[in-house]
Amino acid sequence: MAENKTKPTSASVDDFIAGIENPRRRADALTALKIYKEVTGLPPVMWGPAIIGFGTLHYAYETGREGICQRPAFRLAKRT
């Protein structure tokens, strides 16, 4: 069975956001980060190269496929 490609990493959320070149997108990311932290009460974790997730959810299908995914999350692209 295929393994999930998107997994939690040890990459720094702060460094990722600081690397967003466009000042408006960076400010929006900081605002979203603040809101998600307040609502979830959980620390942010990078999932793959561009997803910031909060907490995990284990899922299992009747087919036997199972894994973990981030609970609430948001994705950012480093576009300018």
Protein backbone atom coordinates (compact mmCIF):
# COMPACT_ATOMS: atom_id res chain seq x y z
CA MET A 1 0.00 0.00 0.00
CA ALA A 2 1.29 3.49 -0.83
CA GLU A 3 2.71 5.58 1.96
CA ASN A 4 1.61 9.17 2.54
CA LYS A 5 4.00 11.66 0.96
CA THR A 6 3.15 14.54 3.28
CA LYS A 7 4.61 14.00 6.73
CA PRO A 8 5.57 16.19 9.67
CA THR A 9 9.13 17.51 9.48
CA SER A 10 11.54 19.22 11.84
CA ALA A 11 11.72 22.30 9.59
CA SER A 12 11.17 25.64 11.32
CA VAL A 13 7.77 27.26 10.79
CA ASP A 14 9.27 30.66 11.64
CA ASP A 15 12.08 30.23 9.10
CA PHE A 16 9.60 29.14 6.45
CA ILE A 17 7.41 32.20 6.97
CA ALA A 18 10.45 34.50 7.15
CA GLY A 19 11.46 33.15 3.72
CA ILE A 20 8.26 34.39 2.06
CA GLU A 21 9.49 37.28 -0.08
CA ASN A 22 6.23 39.13 -0.62
CA PRO A 23 5.62 41.30 2.48
CA ARG A 24 1.83 41.08 2.23
CA ARG A 25 1.85 37.28 1.90
CA ARG A 26 4.30 37.04 4.82
CA ALA A 27 2.05 39.28 6.97
CA ASP A 28 -1.00 37.20 6.01
CA ALA A 29 0.87 34.01 6.97
CA LEU A 30 1.78 35.48 10.37
CA THR A 31 -1.85 36.47 10.94
CA ALA A 32 -3.08 32.98 9.99
CA LEU A 33 -0.42 31.41 12.24
CA LYS A 34 -1.56 33.51 15.19
CA ILE A 35 -5.23 32.63 14.66
CA TYR A 36 -4.58 28.89 14.27
CA LYS A 37 -2.41 28.85 17.40
CA GLU A 38 -5.10 30.64 19.43
CA VAL A 39 -7.94 28.43 18.19
CA THR A 40 -6.17 25.07 18.46
CA GLY A 41 -3.87 25.72 21.41
CA LEU A 42 -1.34 23.51 19.60
CA PRO A 43 2.14 24.25 18.31
CA PRO A 44 2.63 24.60 14.55
CA VAL A 45 4.55 21.92 12.66
CA MET A 46 5.73 21.92 9.06
CA TRP A 47 4.20 19.09 7.02
CA GLY A 48 6.22 18.72 3.86
CA PRO A 49 7.66 21.87 2.32
CA ALA A 50 4.67 24.22 2.48
CA ILE A 51 1.93 23.08 4.90
CA ILE A 52 1.70 24.32 8.48
CA GLY A 53 -0.34 21.91 10.58
CA PHE A 54 -1.59 21.82 14.15
CA GLY A 55 -2.04 18.45 15.79
CA THR A 56 -2.53 15.09 14.10
CA LEU A 57 -5.44 12.90 13.14
CA HIS A 58 -5.18 9.14 12.67
CA TYR A 59 -7.47 7.81 9.97
CA ALA A 60 -8.30 4.29 8.81
CA TYR A 61 -10.43 3.19 5.87
CA GLU A 62 -12.33 -0.07 5.52
CA THR A 63 -9.83 -0.99 2.78
CA GLY A 64 -7.08 -1.15 5.38
CA ARG A 65 -5.36 2.06 4.33
CA GLU A 66 -4.48 4.20 7.32
CA GLY A 67 -2.18 7.01 8.26
CA ILE A 68 -1.91 10.35 9.96
CA CYS A 69 -2.62 13.81 8.68
CA GLN A 70 -2.55 17.26 10.14
CA ARG A 71 -5.67 18.44 11.89
CA PRO A 72 -6.29 22.04 10.93
CA ALA A 73 -3.64 23.30 8.54
CA PHE A 74 -2.93 25.89 5.93
CA ARG A 75 -0.72 25.75 2.87
CA LEU A 76 1.53 28.49 1.63
CA ALA A 77 3.45 28.90 -1.56
CA LYS A 78 6.60 30.99 -1.59
CA ARG A 79 5.46 32.95 -4.62
CA THR A 80 6.32 36.61 -4.79
